[in-house]
Amino acid sequence: QVQLVESGGGLVQAGGSLRLSCAASGRTFSSYAMGWFRQAPGKEREFVAAISWSSGSTAYADSMKGRFTISRENAKNTVYLQMNSLKSEDTAVYYCAAGARGLGILPLDYDYWGQGTQVTVSS
């Protein structure tokens, strides 16, 4: 069992940056791939980025490449999402997720989810 708690969301102007954190509790965090997803009002949950358990592999949605960076510190049971050059269309609730199936880009690839943190980008 893994419990996930996101933090770091907030209101930022377009072009600004935010760093999201996801703290995990549970004894097997280091064995899970971790992902970030987001969901805007009226839209489906969307893949943002994922990282393998060893940090050896990462994956990004095309619209986030070059702007977002996912990383993790297994010693701290924490995964991060650094978001730069934010746009109004990045406004959404951001969720972190843990999965045992490897580097997935679909919500069904993940077994555990946090409650989400709101990111609002003003133009």
C-alpha atoms as a PDB file:
ATOM      1  CA  GLN A   1       0.000   0.000   0.000  1.00  0.00           C
ATOM      2  CA  VAL A   2       1.252   3.476  -0.914  1.00  0.00           C
ATOM      3  CA  GLN A   3      -0.248   6.781   0.211  1.00  0.00           C
ATOM      4  CA  LEU A   4       0.515   9.860  -1.862  1.00  0.00           C
ATOM      5  CA  VAL A   5       0.206  13.536  -0.916  1.00  0.00           C
ATOM      6  CA  GLU A   6       0.840  16.296  -3.446  1.00  0.00           C
ATOM      7  CA  SER A   7       1.908  19.838  -2.612  1.00  0.00           C
ATOM      8  CA  GLY A   8       3.298  22.925  -4.286  1.00  0.00           C
ATOM      9  CA  GLY A   9       0.354  23.986  -6.391  1.00  0.00           C
ATOM     10  CA  GLY A  10      -0.887  27.545  -6.501  1.00  0.00           C
ATOM     11  CA  LEU A  11      -1.501  30.593  -8.631  1.00  0.00           C
ATOM     12  CA  VAL A  12       1.231  31.722 -10.999  1.00  0.00           C
ATOM     13  CA  GLN A  13       1.428  34.099 -13.934  1.00  0.00           C
ATOM     14  CA  ALA A  14       1.985  32.826 -17.437  1.00  0.00           C
ATOM     15  CA  GLY A  15       5.680  32.284 -18.055  1.00  0.00           C
ATOM     16  CA  GLY A  16       6.319  31.501 -14.418  1.00  0.00           C
ATOM     17  CA  SER A  17       7.409  28.314 -12.686  1.00  0.00           C
ATOM     18  CA  LEU A  18       6.157  25.958 -10.011  1.00  0.00           C
ATOM     19  CA  ARG A  19       7.599  22.861  -8.421  1.00  0.00           C
ATOM     20  CA  LEU A  20       5.191  20.175  -7.356  1.00  0.00           C
ATOM     21  CA  SER A  21       6.110  17.554  -4.803  1.00  0.00           C
ATOM     22  CA  CYS A  22       4.535  14.215  -4.051  1.00  0.00           C
ATOM     23  CA  ALA A  23       5.372  12.602  -0.736  1.00  0.00           C
ATOM     24  CA  ALA A  24       4.788   8.882  -0.472  1.00  0.00           C
ATOM     25  CA  SER A  25       4.369   6.699   2.553  1.00  0.00           C
ATOM     26  CA  GLY A  26       4.754   2.984   2.382  1.00  0.00           C
ATOM     27  CA  ARG A  27       7.621   0.608   2.500  1.00  0.00           C
ATOM     28  CA  THR A  28       7.956  -0.099  -1.224  1.00  0.00           C
ATOM     29  CA  PHE A  29       8.038   3.382  -2.782  1.00  0.00           C
ATOM     30  CA  SER A  30      11.358   2.768  -4.510  1.00  0.00           C
ATOM     31  CA  SER A  31       9.938  -0.171  -6.435  1.00  0.00           C
ATOM     32  CA  TYR A  32       7.160   1.821  -8.116  1.00  0.00           C
ATOM     33  CA  ALA A  33       7.192   3.854 -11.270  1.00  0.00           C
ATOM     34  CA  MET A  34       5.757   7.309 -10.573  1.00  0.00           C
ATOM     35  CA  GLY A  35       3.649   9.458 -12.799  1.00  0.00           C
ATOM     36  CA  TRP A  36       2.068  12.880 -12.913  1.00  0.00           C
ATOM     37  CA  PHE A  37      -1.303  13.448 -14.529  1.00  0.00           C
ATOM     38  CA  ARG A  38      -3.555  16.469 -14.703  1.00  0.00           C
ATOM     39  CA  GLN A  39      -7.240  17.114 -15.151  1.00  0.00           C
ATOM     40  CA  ALA A  40      -8.845  20.360 -16.197  1.00  0.00           C
ATOM     41  CA  PRO A  41     -12.567  21.049 -15.650  1.00  0.00           C
ATOM     42  CA  GLY A  42     -14.677  19.149 -18.140  1.00  0.00           C
ATOM     43  CA  LYS A  43     -11.710  17.229 -19.526  1.00  0.00           C
ATOM     44  CA  GLU A  44     -10.337  13.739 -19.077  1.00  0.00           C
ATOM     45  CA  ARG A  45      -7.324  13.005 -16.929  1.00  0.00           C
ATOM     46  CA  GLU A  46      -4.205  13.627 -19.038  1.00  0.00           C
ATOM     47  CA  PHE A  47      -0.710  12.163 -18.824  1.00  0.00           C
ATOM     48  CA  VAL A  48       2.024  14.652 -17.958  1.00  0.00           C
ATOM     49  CA  ALA A  49       5.214  12.748 -17.122  1.00  0.00           C
ATOM     50  CA  ALA A  50       6.483   9.509 -15.631  1.00  0.00           C
ATOM     51  CA  ILE A  51       9.714   8.198 -14.154  1.00  0.00           C
ATOM     52  CA  SER A  52      10.931   4.670 -13.583  1.00  0.00           C
ATOM     53  CA  TRP A  53      11.746   3.369 -10.130  1.00  0.00           C
ATOM     54  CA  SER A  54      15.495   3.838 -10.700  1.00  0.00           C
ATOM     55  CA  SER A  55      15.140   7.277 -12.386  1.00  0.00           C
ATOM     56  CA  GLY A  56      16.825   5.696 -15.390  1.00  0.00           C
ATOM     57  CA  SER A  57      13.879   6.335 -17.685  1.00  0.00           C
ATOM     58  CA  THR A  58      11.439   9.186 -18.062  1.00  0.00           C
ATOM     59  CA  ALA A  59       8.534   9.932 -20.349  1.00  0.00           C
ATOM     60  CA  TYR A  60       6.716  13.171 -21.126  1.00  0.00           C
ATOM     61  CA  ALA A  61       3.627  14.231 -22.978  1.00  0.00           C
ATOM     62  CA  ASP A  62       4.620  16.105 -26.115  1.00  0.00           C
ATOM     63  CA  SER A  63       3.207  19.427 -24.932  1.00  0.00           C
ATOM     64  CA  MET A  64       5.329  19.271 -21.746  1.00  0.00           C
ATOM     65  CA  LYS A  65       8.663  18.307 -23.277  1.00  0.00           C
ATOM     66  CA  GLY A  66      11.268  20.953 -22.652  1.00  0.00           C
ATOM     67  CA  ARG A  67       9.121  22.749 -20.087  1.00  0.00           C
ATOM     68  CA  PHE A  68       8.489  20.123 -17.380  1.00  0.00           C
ATOM     69  CA  THR A  69      10.992  17.893 -15.607  1.00  0.00           C
ATOM     70  CA  ILE A  70      10.150  14.903 -13.450  1.00  0.00           C
ATOM     71  CA  SER A  71      12.574  13.619 -10.841  1.00  0.00           C
ATOM     72  CA  ARG A  72      12.534  11.518  -7.698  1.00  0.00           C
ATOM     73  CA  GLU A  73      14.467  10.995  -4.499  1.00  0.00           C
ATOM     74  CA  ASN A  74      13.852   7.475  -3.271  1.00  0.00           C
ATOM     75  CA  ALA A  75      15.662   8.205  -0.003  1.00  0.00           C
ATOM     76  CA  LYS A  76      13.018  10.866   0.710  1.00  0.00           C
ATOM     77  CA  ASN A  77      10.084   8.939  -0.783  1.00  0.00           C
ATOM     78  CA  THR A  78       9.371  11.973  -2.945  1.00  0.00           C
ATOM     79  CA  VAL A  79       8.775  12.669  -6.607  1.00  0.00           C
ATOM     80  CA  TYR A  80       8.895  16.162  -8.104  1.00  0.00           C
ATOM     81  CA  LEU A  81       7.544  17.939 -11.131  1.00  0.00           C
ATOM     82  CA  GLN A  82       9.374  21.117 -12.079  1.00  0.00           C
ATOM     83  CA  MET A  83       7.167  23.190 -14.361  1.00  0.00           C
ATOM     84  CA  ASN A  84       8.639  26.116 -16.269  1.00  0.00           C
ATOM     85  CA  SER A  85       7.251  28.491 -18.899  1.00  0.00           C
ATOM     86  CA  LEU A  86       3.752  27.843 -17.662  1.00  0.00           C
ATOM     87  CA  LYS A  87       0.809  28.607 -19.908  1.00  0.00           C
ATOM     88  CA  SER A  88      -2.837  29.241 -19.147  1.00  0.00           C
ATOM     89  CA  GLU A  89      -3.663  25.862 -20.674  1.00  0.00           C
ATOM     90  CA  ASP A  90      -1.572  24.199 -17.952  1.00  0.00           C
ATOM     91  CA  THR A  91      -4.280  25.138 -15.452  1.00  0.00           C
ATOM     92  CA  ALA A  92      -5.573  21.916 -13.903  1.00  0.00           C
ATOM     93  CA  VAL A  93      -5.537  19.713 -10.852  1.00  0.00           C
ATOM     94  CA  TYR A  94      -2.274  17.778 -10.865  1.00  0.00           C
ATOM     95  CA  TYR A  95      -2.155  14.247  -9.498  1.00  0.00           C
ATOM     96  CA  CYS A  96       0.738  11.969  -8.748  1.00  0.00           C
ATOM     97  CA  ALA A  97       0.398   8.238  -9.065  1.00  0.00           C
ATOM     98  CA  ALA A  98       2.365   5.098  -8.292  1.00  0.00           C
ATOM     99  CA  GLY A  99       2.334   1.990 -10.409  1.00  0.00           C
ATOM    100  CA  ALA A 100       3.978  -1.406 -10.405  1.00  0.00           C
ATOM    101  CA  ARG A 101       3.696  -1.971 -14.161  1.00  0.00           C
ATOM    102  CA  GLY A 102       6.618   0.140 -15.256  1.00  0.00           C
ATOM    103  CA  LEU A 103       6.703   3.423 -17.135  1.00  0.00           C
ATOM    104  CA  GLY A 104       3.050   3.883 -18.044  1.00  0.00           C
ATOM    105  CA  ILE A 105       1.280   6.790 -19.719  1.00  0.00           C
ATOM    106  CA  LEU A 106      -2.298   5.717 -19.034  1.00  0.00           C
ATOM    107  CA  PRO A 107      -4.212   6.170 -15.779  1.00  0.00           C
ATOM    108  CA  LEU A 108      -4.925   2.447 -15.696  1.00  0.00           C
ATOM    109  CA  ASP A 109      -1.170   1.788 -15.515  1.00  0.00           C
ATOM    110  CA  TYR A 110      -1.172   3.183 -11.968  1.00  0.00           C
ATOM    111  CA  ASP A 111      -2.427   1.640  -8.767  1.00  0.00           C
ATOM    112  CA  TYR A 112      -2.297   4.476  -6.244  1.00  0.00           C
ATOM    113  CA  TRP A 113      -3.282   8.114  -6.546  1.00  0.00           C
ATOM    114  CA  GLY A 114      -2.965  11.266  -4.508  1.00  0.00           C
ATOM    115  CA  GLN A 115      -5.753  13.759  -3.920  1.00  0.00           C
ATOM    116  CA  GLY A 116      -4.331  16.329  -6.297  1.00  0.00           C
ATOM    117  CA  THR A 117      -3.047  19.884  -6.093  1.00  0.00           C
ATOM    118  CA  GLN A 118      -4.508  22.815  -7.993  1.00  0.00           C
ATOM    119  CA  VAL A 119      -2.328  24.744 -10.428  1.00  0.00           C
ATOM    120  CA  THR A 120      -3.773  27.943 -11.854  1.00  0.00           C
ATOM    121  CA  VAL A 121      -1.896  29.923 -14.481  1.00  0.00           C
ATOM    122  CA  SER A 122      -3.143  33.440 -15.113  1.00  0.00           C
ATOM    123  CA  SER A 123      -2.610  35.039 -18.491  1.00  0.00           C
END
